Structure formats: C-alpha cells, structure tokens
Amino acid sequence: MVEQPNFASLQRNNNTGECFRDMMLITSALLGVAIQLSFARAQTCDTYVVPSITGGFAQRQFIDFSNVSPGGNVASFLSANGISISNYPITAGPVPHTFTPNNVAFGSGSLDMKVSAYSGSGSILSSEVVTNDLFKYASVRTVLKSSGVPGVVEGNFFYLNDNQEIDWEILTSTTLQPSADVPAGIWATNQATTPGQPSTHATIPFTFDPSQGYHEYRIDWAADATTFYIDGVQKARFTTNVPTQAGNWIWNSWSNGDPFWSNGPPTADSITHIRSIEIYKGYTSTRSGTICNI
C-alpha cells in the first residue's frame, strides 16, 4: 500500500515564508505519492486497457530521458531499450538528406534529434531512431518539445512500408502560420493501404506554441481505427486506411527543402527534444489478470 502524506502534520501559519514552505511540502508529498502509484501500476498490471480499444495490451515500455546528460553514450542507452539509430541517405526531394548517428545525442534531460544547418551543398544531415521490435496495434505516447527552427519535419510514426503507415508530424515552418502551399497545424495521417489511392489525413491547428514546452503526442492504433491525441485530448480519429500488418515505430527530424512539405532547408541547427517514450504493445483480444486503464 502506498503511504499517504500526513497533511495534518503541516502547521498552518500566516507567515508567508512558512506557508510557502508548507505548500512545497504538500506538493512534494503528492508528487511522491504519484510516482509510487505509477511505479506500482507498472509492476502489477497484467492487461493495459485503452477505453476505446477492445481487448488490451500485455506489455508496457517506458523510456525516460529526463535524467540523461550531454556526452552520455546515447547509442548504448537506446540499444538497451530496444531502439537503433538510423544511418542511411534519402536522395528524393529538392535536396537529399541523410540520417546520421552523429545527429542523435543526449541533451539536458532529453534525447536530442538534430537537423544540421544546411551548408548550401550536399545532403541535409538529419536524425532518426527506430524500434527493433515489430508490433501490430499499440498505444505510443511521446513527450517532446518541438524545434523553433523553420524548415524541418518532426515525425513520430508507425511504418512498415508506404502503404502501412500512421503519421503524427509537426512541420516547423507551418506550426502556427500557413505557408502559400501548406496549412498551419500538426498533421495526422493514415497513408493509403492501396497503392495509388488517397490517404486519410487531417491538419489540426495548435492551441499553443509547440516549441515553448513539452507536450504528449499520442497515437492509439487498433484494428478498427487510429486515434490521435495531444496531452490526452483526442484530436483526430480515422477508420479508413488503418494498417493491418506489424511494423516499427520511428521518430525522426529531417528536411529536404520541399516547399509543399518541409520547406527549408534550415539555416540554423534544429533540435527536437524528446523527454520520454511510452509504448503499450503486445495486443490481446482478451483482458485477464490485473487490469489497468491507461
């Protein structure tokens, strides 16, 4: 059982300093309880349940970057958590780009995904990490702070191939204001499951500046729908072009100078900060054991 804080032991006093101290003690106590409850849930749950999804998930993976520091061995840390750093070029686009391990590093309490300032020639150096596991159906929650540098795509998505793909994408040139060719907002997309057919997508306006703080971007993927959330609030739900096969989850930051998509290339280094990644996977159609709503 989690021990509750003894609020009665906190003295009430009109002195401002003591009142502030008491409030800090209460806040600290509540935070401690919340952490203990979260840990206890992770240890005792057999089936994790999303209310809108029939069945549940048997596995929870939580990757916390809040305690990392610059200079740490990012490749080793990610590998221990079942994630690899990409290293390959993409030649398509007005300007080619290359995913390089050199652009994935630890910041102060974050995984930093860099797109290097473009020199004017050669490839745009970009960044990408990908799960080693392939899974079918999941709830994936990424807490990140967007870059304020224009000309970059920040992707958080499921991918097997171009016809089995779910995207949550921030375009840093058009987060709050549209361009001549791209509307403002974050993009939710189910790519077409049949080649040559249209995708299912929506552009959702931001109610905040995503470069000014951390927010949770979540995708729930089930057999009948994909549902997109920001900070726990549903923003889109699609029942067409829902992927049917297992694949990887990918996080990347890149640019190819396309005026109809990424814009750019960036003229300054762009950094996307990821604070944590939480993955619920191992879908089961039946709920058993200790059930936890997530």
Protein backbone atom coordinates (compact mmCIF):
# COMPACT_ATOMS: atom_id res chain seq x y z
CA MET A 1 0.00 0.00 0.00
CA VAL A 2 1.26 3.50 -0.84
CA GLU A 3 1.61 5.61 2.30
CA GLN A 4 -0.43 8.82 2.16
CA PRO A 5 1.13 12.15 3.23
CA ASN A 6 0.13 13.36 6.71
CA PHE A 7 -1.31 16.76 5.83
CA ALA A 8 -2.42 17.32 9.44
CA SER A 9 1.20 17.48 10.50
CA LEU A 10 1.79 20.56 8.34
CA GLN A 11 1.33 23.60 10.57
CA ARG A 12 -0.93 26.38 9.38
CA ASN A 13 0.76 29.71 9.79
CA ASN A 14 0.05 33.19 8.45
CA ASN A 15 3.73 33.82 7.89
CA THR A 16 4.30 33.89 4.11
CA GLY A 17 7.57 32.01 4.25
CA GLU A 18 6.16 29.21 6.39
CA CYS A 19 3.01 28.96 4.23
CA PHE A 20 5.17 28.66 1.13
CA ARG A 21 7.27 26.00 2.85
CA ASP A 22 4.14 24.07 3.82
CA MET A 23 2.78 24.25 0.26
CA MET A 24 6.09 22.95 -1.06
CA LEU A 25 5.95 20.06 1.40
CA ILE A 26 2.41 19.22 0.28
CA THR A 27 3.41 19.38 -3.38
CA SER A 28 6.45 17.19 -2.73
CA ALA A 29 4.36 14.67 -0.82
CA LEU A 30 1.73 14.49 -3.57
CA LEU A 31 4.41 14.08 -6.23
CA GLY A 32 5.96 11.26 -4.24
CA VAL A 33 2.60 9.50 -3.99
CA ALA A 34 2.01 9.92 -7.73
CA ILE A 35 5.40 8.43 -8.56
CA GLN A 36 4.82 5.49 -6.21
CA LEU A 37 1.38 4.83 -7.70
CA SER A 38 2.77 4.98 -11.24
CA PHE A 39 5.54 2.56 -10.30
CA ALA A 40 3.10 0.24 -8.55
CA ARG A 41 0.82 0.19 -11.58
CA ALA A 42 3.69 -0.67 -13.88
CA GLN A 43 4.66 -3.56 -11.59
CA THR A 44 1.22 -5.10 -11.07
CA CYS A 45 -0.71 -4.68 -14.33
CA ASP A 46 -1.36 -7.74 -16.49
CA THR A 47 -3.53 -6.02 -19.11
CA TYR A 48 -3.33 -2.35 -20.01
CA VAL A 49 -6.64 -1.09 -21.34
CA VAL A 50 -7.48 1.91 -23.51
CA PRO A 51 -11.22 2.51 -23.11
CA SER A 52 -11.83 2.97 -26.84
CA ILE A 53 -9.98 -0.24 -27.82
CA THR A 54 -11.46 -3.73 -27.47
CA GLY A 55 -9.02 -6.01 -25.67
CA GLY A 56 -5.81 -4.58 -24.28
CA PHE A 57 -2.02 -4.64 -24.22
CA ALA A 58 0.17 -7.05 -22.26
CA GLN A 59 3.40 -5.03 -22.35
CA ARG A 60 4.45 -1.55 -21.27
CA GLN A 61 7.78 0.02 -22.15
CA PHE A 62 8.75 3.38 -20.68
CA ILE A 63 11.93 5.12 -21.84
CA ASP A 64 12.79 8.09 -19.65
CA PHE A 65 15.34 10.64 -20.83
CA SER A 66 14.71 13.15 -18.05
CA ASN A 67 17.88 12.20 -16.16
CA VAL A 68 20.34 11.98 -19.06
CA SER A 69 23.17 14.47 -19.58
CA PRO A 70 25.12 15.71 -22.61
CA GLY A 71 28.04 13.48 -23.50
CA GLY A 72 26.41 10.23 -22.42
CA ASN A 73 26.54 7.11 -24.56
CA VAL A 74 23.28 7.54 -26.42
CA ALA A 75 23.72 4.52 -28.70
CA SER A 76 24.25 2.17 -25.75
CA PHE A 77 21.31 3.62 -23.83
CA LEU A 78 18.95 3.32 -26.79
CA SER A 79 20.17 -0.19 -27.63
CA ALA A 80 19.43 -1.31 -24.07
CA ASN A 81 15.89 -0.06 -24.64
CA GLY A 82 15.41 -1.80 -27.98
CA ILE A 83 15.97 1.22 -30.22
CA SER A 84 18.51 1.70 -33.02
CA ILE A 85 19.90 4.87 -34.59
CA SER A 86 19.45 5.12 -38.36
CA ASN A 87 22.31 5.65 -40.79
CA TYR A 88 21.25 5.93 -44.43
CA PRO A 89 20.68 8.50 -47.21
CA ILE A 90 17.47 9.53 -48.98
CA THR A 91 18.04 11.06 -52.39
CA ALA A 92 14.45 12.10 -53.16
CA GLY A 93 13.34 15.71 -52.85
CA PRO A 94 14.69 19.03 -53.99
CA VAL A 95 17.63 18.42 -51.63
CA PRO A 96 18.80 14.97 -50.46
CA HIS A 97 19.04 14.26 -46.75
CA THR A 98 20.97 11.71 -44.70
CA PHE A 99 20.06 10.20 -41.35
CA THR A 100 23.32 10.15 -39.41
CA PRO A 101 24.08 8.81 -35.90
CA ASN A 102 26.11 11.97 -35.27
CA ASN A 103 22.87 13.96 -35.07
CA VAL A 104 21.37 11.89 -32.23
CA ALA A 105 22.64 12.87 -28.78
CA PHE A 106 21.66 13.45 -25.18
CA GLY A 107 20.71 16.93 -24.08
CA SER A 108 20.00 18.02 -20.53
CA GLY A 109 17.13 15.68 -19.71
CA SER A 110 16.21 14.85 -23.29
CA LEU A 111 17.01 12.82 -26.36
CA ASP A 112 18.02 15.44 -28.92
CA MET A 113 17.27 14.92 -32.61
CA LYS A 114 19.20 17.37 -34.78
CA VAL A 115 18.85 18.63 -38.32
CA SER A 116 22.04 20.49 -39.15
CA ALA A 117 22.03 23.94 -40.69
CA TYR A 118 22.31 23.44 -44.44
CA SER A 119 25.60 24.49 -45.96
CA GLY A 120 24.11 25.02 -49.43
CA SER A 121 25.57 21.88 -50.97
CA GLY A 122 25.43 18.15 -50.41
CA SER A 123 22.95 16.38 -48.16
CA ILE A 124 20.98 17.80 -45.22
CA LEU A 125 22.19 15.96 -42.13
CA SER A 126 19.16 14.66 -40.24
CA SER A 127 18.32 12.22 -37.41
CA GLU A 128 16.19 9.13 -36.84
CA VAL A 129 15.69 6.36 -34.28
CA VAL A 130 13.59 3.21 -34.71
CA THR A 131 12.32 0.35 -32.55
CA ASN A 132 13.98 -3.01 -33.09
CA ASP A 133 10.68 -4.78 -32.44
CA LEU A 134 7.88 -5.00 -34.95
CA PHE A 135 4.42 -4.88 -33.42
CA LYS A 136 0.80 -4.82 -34.55
CA TYR A 137 -1.51 -2.43 -32.68
CA ALA A 138 -0.18 -0.18 -29.94
CA SER A 139 -0.61 2.98 -27.91
CA VAL A 140 2.51 5.11 -28.26
CA ARG A 141 2.97 8.31 -26.25
CA THR A 142 5.89 10.65 -26.92
CA VAL A 143 6.62 13.68 -24.76
CA LEU A 144 8.60 16.17 -26.82
CA LYS A 145 9.39 19.82 -27.37
CA SER A 146 9.40 20.91 -30.99
CA SER A 147 12.18 22.89 -32.59
CA GLY A 148 11.59 26.58 -33.24
CA VAL A 149 13.78 26.46 -36.36
CA PRO A 150 11.76 26.58 -39.61
CA GLY A 151 12.18 24.07 -42.41
CA VAL A 152 12.03 20.75 -40.53
CA VAL A 153 9.66 17.77 -40.32
CA GLU A 154 9.39 16.13 -36.88
CA GLY A 155 7.91 12.65 -37.26
CA ASN A 156 6.51 10.22 -34.69
CA PHE A 157 5.02 7.32 -36.61
CA PHE A 158 4.35 3.65 -37.33
CA TYR A 159 5.93 2.31 -40.51
CA LEU A 160 6.21 -0.97 -42.36
CA ASN A 161 6.08 0.40 -45.91
CA ASP A 162 4.46 3.29 -47.77
CA ASN A 163 1.07 1.53 -47.60
CA GLN A 164 1.27 0.57 -43.92
CA GLU A 165 1.98 3.86 -42.16
CA ILE A 166 0.49 6.10 -39.44
CA ASP A 167 1.96 9.60 -39.01
CA TRP A 168 1.90 12.33 -36.38
CA GLU A 169 4.03 15.10 -37.94
CA ILE A 170 4.98 18.63 -36.99
CA LEU A 171 6.23 20.89 -39.79
CA THR A 172 8.20 23.63 -38.08
CA SER A 173 7.67 26.19 -40.86
CA THR A 174 3.89 25.96 -40.53
CA THR A 175 3.15 25.12 -36.90
CA LEU A 176 1.22 28.33 -36.22
CA GLN A 177 1.07 30.13 -39.57
CA PRO A 178 0.40 28.62 -43.02
CA SER A 179 2.69 28.94 -45.99
CA ALA A 180 1.47 29.52 -49.53
CA ASP A 181 1.17 25.76 -50.02
CA VAL A 182 0.91 24.18 -46.54
CA PRO A 183 -1.80 24.84 -43.92
CA ALA A 184 -0.87 25.53 -40.31
CA GLY A 185 -1.01 22.83 -37.64
CA ILE A 186 0.06 19.27 -36.89
CA TRP A 187 -0.61 16.51 -39.42
CA ALA A 188 -2.37 13.25 -38.57
CA THR A 189 -2.26 10.71 -41.41
CA ASN A 190 -3.09 7.15 -42.32
CA GLN A 191 -1.25 6.56 -45.57
CA ALA A 192 -3.19 4.76 -48.28
CA THR A 193 -3.26 0.99 -47.76
CA THR A 194 -3.82 0.54 -51.51
CA PRO A 195 -1.17 1.97 -53.87
CA GLY A 196 -2.44 4.91 -55.88
CA GLN A 197 -5.37 5.66 -53.58
CA PRO A 198 -5.67 8.78 -51.38
CA SER A 199 -4.51 8.88 -47.78
CA THR A 200 -6.73 9.72 -44.82
CA HIS A 201 -5.47 12.83 -43.08
CA ALA A 202 -6.27 15.96 -41.12
CA THR A 203 -4.39 19.10 -40.15
CA ILE A 204 -5.13 20.12 -36.56
CA PRO A 205 -4.41 23.73 -35.52
CA PHE A 206 -2.20 24.15 -32.47
CA THR A 207 -3.63 25.91 -29.42
CA PHE A 208 -0.09 26.54 -28.15
CA ASP A 209 3.42 27.06 -29.48
CA PRO A 210 4.92 23.53 -29.54
CA SER A 211 8.47 24.91 -29.39
CA GLN A 212 7.88 26.54 -25.99
CA GLY A 213 7.34 23.45 -23.87
CA TYR A 214 6.93 19.70 -23.63
CA HIS A 215 3.66 18.07 -24.72
CA GLU A 216 2.50 14.48 -25.11
CA TYR A 217 1.76 13.35 -28.68
CA ARG A 218 -0.04 10.02 -28.72
CA ILE A 219 -1.28 7.54 -31.32
CA ASP A 220 -3.63 4.67 -30.46
CA TRP A 221 -3.72 2.01 -33.19
CA ALA A 222 -6.32 -0.74 -33.15
CA ALA A 223 -7.90 -2.98 -35.79
CA ASP A 224 -10.78 -0.60 -36.46
CA ALA A 225 -9.24 2.86 -36.04
CA THR A 226 -6.28 5.10 -35.38
CA THR A 227 -6.79 7.85 -32.81
CA PHE A 228 -4.54 10.87 -32.30
CA TYR A 229 -4.16 12.81 -29.04
CA ILE A 230 -2.28 15.82 -27.71
CA ASP A 231 -1.89 15.98 -23.93
CA GLY A 232 -4.61 13.36 -23.55
CA VAL A 233 -7.18 15.24 -25.66
CA GLN A 234 -8.42 13.46 -28.80
CA LYS A 235 -7.68 15.46 -31.96
CA ALA A 236 -8.49 13.01 -34.77
CA ARG A 237 -9.85 9.51 -35.33
CA PHE A 238 -9.66 7.60 -38.63
CA THR A 239 -11.41 4.37 -39.58
CA THR A 240 -10.10 4.18 -43.15
CA ASN A 241 -6.62 3.17 -44.33
CA VAL A 242 -5.91 1.54 -40.95
CA PRO A 243 -2.73 -0.59 -41.19
CA THR A 244 -3.17 -4.34 -40.83
CA GLN A 245 0.43 -5.57 -40.51
CA ALA A 246 3.18 -5.35 -37.90
CA GLY A 247 5.95 -2.81 -38.29
CA ASN A 248 8.37 -0.50 -36.46
CA TRP A 249 7.84 2.77 -34.64
CA ILE A 250 10.05 5.63 -35.80
CA TRP A 251 10.97 9.09 -34.54
CA ASN A 252 12.83 11.42 -36.86
CA SER A 253 13.72 15.01 -37.73
CA TRP A 254 14.61 15.90 -41.30
CA SER A 255 14.30 18.33 -44.18
CA ASN A 256 14.51 18.11 -47.96
CA GLY A 257 13.68 21.70 -48.90
CA ASP A 258 10.29 20.81 -50.38
CA PRO A 259 8.08 23.96 -50.46
CA PHE A 260 4.99 21.73 -50.44
CA TRP A 261 6.01 19.94 -47.23
CA SER A 262 9.09 20.55 -45.09
CA ASN A 263 10.05 23.94 -46.55
CA GLY A 264 13.61 24.93 -45.68
CA PRO A 265 16.31 23.70 -45.64
CA PRO A 266 17.02 25.09 -42.16
CA THR A 267 19.61 27.86 -41.92
CA ALA A 268 20.38 27.08 -38.26
CA ASP A 269 20.73 23.83 -36.33
CA SER A 270 17.30 22.46 -35.40
CA ILE A 271 16.91 20.38 -32.22
CA THR A 272 13.83 18.34 -31.33
CA HIS A 273 13.86 17.37 -27.64
CA ILE A 274 12.24 14.09 -26.56
CA ARG A 275 11.64 13.77 -22.81
CA SER A 276 10.09 10.28 -22.78
CA ILE A 277 8.61 7.49 -24.90
CA GLU A 278 5.90 5.18 -23.57
CA ILE A 279 4.81 2.16 -25.62
CA TYR A 280 1.93 -0.19 -24.87
CA LYS A 281 2.12 -3.25 -27.13
CA GLY A 282 1.51 -6.99 -27.15
CA TYR A 283 -2.13 -6.67 -28.15
CA THR A 284 -4.53 -9.26 -26.75
CA SER A 285 -8.22 -9.57 -27.58
CA THR A 286 -9.00 -10.74 -24.04
CA ARG A 287 -8.46 -8.93 -20.76
CA SER A 288 -7.09 -11.00 -17.89
CA GLY A 289 -5.37 -10.66 -14.54
CA THR A 290 -4.96 -7.20 -13.06
CA ILE A 291 -6.47 -4.68 -15.48
CA CYS A 292 -5.21 -1.10 -15.60
CA ASN A 293 -6.83 1.71 -17.56
CA ILE A 294 -4.28 3.86 -19.35
